[in-house]
Amino acid sequence: MPQIPTAATAATGLVGGYAVARWTKKRPLGGITLAAAGAVASRQWQRKAGIGAAVALTGAYVAGFGAAHPLAKKVGAWPAVFAVAGVVAGASWVVADRRG
């Protein structure tokens, strides 16, 4: 069975967390979604690229979540979420997925 790329897990967590929070109007539910996907991605990063890469990419994931908030004030919520998800997914691909 093929593995899901870590980039897809990370991007899905960021986009999915926001989507769940927005559509259910329950921010904690979105936070649970974000955290669960982040934990899965972190575990994938550790297995594929080692603990150092997992720590760095988890930091990027959390920073992306934080950066989406001020960015949303400038470009809108969905564009901000997609932008940070793209950046985190790109970093994840370069560090963990590209190696195959």
Protein backbone atom coordinates (compact mmCIF):
# COMPACT_ATOMS: atom_id res chain seq x y z
CA MET A 1 0.00 0.00 0.00
CA PRO A 2 1.51 3.37 -0.96
CA GLN A 3 2.23 5.85 1.80
CA ILE A 4 0.56 9.24 1.91
CA PRO A 5 3.18 11.95 1.35
CA THR A 6 3.95 14.00 4.44
CA ALA A 7 3.35 17.16 2.41
CA ALA A 8 -0.26 16.07 1.85
CA THR A 9 -0.78 15.31 5.53
CA ALA A 10 0.57 18.69 6.61
CA ALA A 11 -1.40 20.68 4.04
CA THR A 12 -4.57 18.75 4.83
CA GLY A 13 -4.13 19.47 8.54
CA LEU A 14 -3.80 23.21 8.03
CA VAL A 15 -6.61 23.53 5.49
CA GLY A 16 -8.81 20.96 7.23
CA GLY A 17 -8.37 22.53 10.65
CA TYR A 18 -9.50 25.88 9.36
CA ALA A 19 -12.36 24.37 7.37
CA VAL A 20 -13.69 22.42 10.34
CA ALA A 21 -13.50 25.49 12.60
CA ARG A 22 -15.21 27.71 10.06
CA TRP A 23 -18.00 25.36 9.00
CA THR A 24 -18.85 24.00 12.43
CA LYS A 25 -18.35 27.40 14.11
CA LYS A 26 -16.47 25.52 16.83
CA ARG A 27 -12.85 26.65 16.96
CA PRO A 28 -11.79 23.89 19.39
CA LEU A 29 -12.96 21.26 16.91
CA GLY A 30 -10.78 22.88 14.25
CA GLY A 31 -7.90 22.91 16.71
CA ILE A 32 -8.30 19.21 17.37
CA THR A 33 -8.25 18.54 13.63
CA LEU A 34 -5.16 20.72 13.20
CA ALA A 35 -3.36 19.06 16.13
CA ALA A 36 -4.25 15.50 15.08
CA ALA A 37 -2.98 16.00 11.54
CA GLY A 38 0.11 17.75 12.90
CA ALA A 39 0.85 14.79 15.17
CA VAL A 40 0.47 12.35 12.28
CA ALA A 41 2.69 14.52 10.06
CA SER A 42 5.30 14.83 12.80
CA ARG A 43 5.44 11.07 13.18
CA GLN A 44 5.78 10.68 9.40
CA TRP A 45 8.57 13.28 9.30
CA GLN A 46 10.43 11.49 12.07
CA ARG A 47 10.24 8.14 10.28
CA LYS A 48 11.23 9.55 6.89
CA ALA A 49 13.79 12.21 7.76
CA GLY A 50 14.79 11.86 11.42
CA ILE A 51 14.10 13.67 14.66
CA GLY A 52 15.83 16.92 13.70
CA ALA A 53 13.79 17.30 10.54
CA ALA A 54 10.62 16.39 12.43
CA VAL A 55 11.26 19.09 15.02
CA ALA A 56 12.00 21.69 12.33
CA LEU A 57 8.97 20.78 10.22
CA THR A 58 6.67 20.66 13.24
CA GLY A 59 7.92 24.15 14.09
CA ALA A 60 7.14 25.25 10.53
CA TYR A 61 3.65 23.73 10.83
CA VAL A 62 2.93 25.62 14.05
CA ALA A 63 4.50 28.81 12.66
CA GLY A 64 2.37 28.48 9.54
CA PHE A 65 -0.75 28.26 11.66
CA GLY A 66 0.32 31.38 13.54
CA ALA A 67 1.32 33.26 10.38
CA ALA A 68 -2.03 32.61 8.73
CA HIS A 69 -3.78 34.87 11.22
CA PRO A 70 -2.03 38.19 10.44
CA LEU A 71 -1.76 37.25 6.76
CA ALA A 72 -5.54 36.75 6.65
CA LYS A 73 -6.02 40.40 7.57
CA LYS A 74 -4.14 41.38 4.43
CA VAL A 75 -5.26 38.83 1.84
CA GLY A 76 -8.31 37.10 3.31
CA ALA A 77 -8.74 33.93 5.32
CA TRP A 78 -8.79 31.24 2.65
CA PRO A 79 -5.89 32.67 0.62
CA ALA A 80 -3.83 32.92 3.81
CA VAL A 81 -4.59 29.33 4.80
CA PHE A 82 -3.77 28.03 1.33
CA ALA A 83 -0.55 30.07 1.23
CA VAL A 84 0.80 28.77 4.53
CA ALA A 85 -0.34 25.23 3.71
CA GLY A 86 1.57 25.46 0.43
CA VAL A 87 4.72 26.71 2.12
CA VAL A 88 4.62 24.00 4.79
CA ALA A 89 3.82 21.31 2.21
CA GLY A 90 6.70 22.51 0.03
CA ALA A 91 9.13 22.39 2.95
CA SER A 92 7.84 18.95 3.89
CA TRP A 93 8.32 17.66 0.37
CA VAL A 94 11.87 19.03 0.15
CA VAL A 95 12.93 17.69 3.55
CA ALA A 96 11.04 14.39 3.82
CA ASP A 97 9.21 13.31 0.65
CA ARG A 98 11.66 14.09 -2.13
CA ARG A 99 13.98 11.29 -1.06
CA GLY A 100 11.38 8.74 -2.02
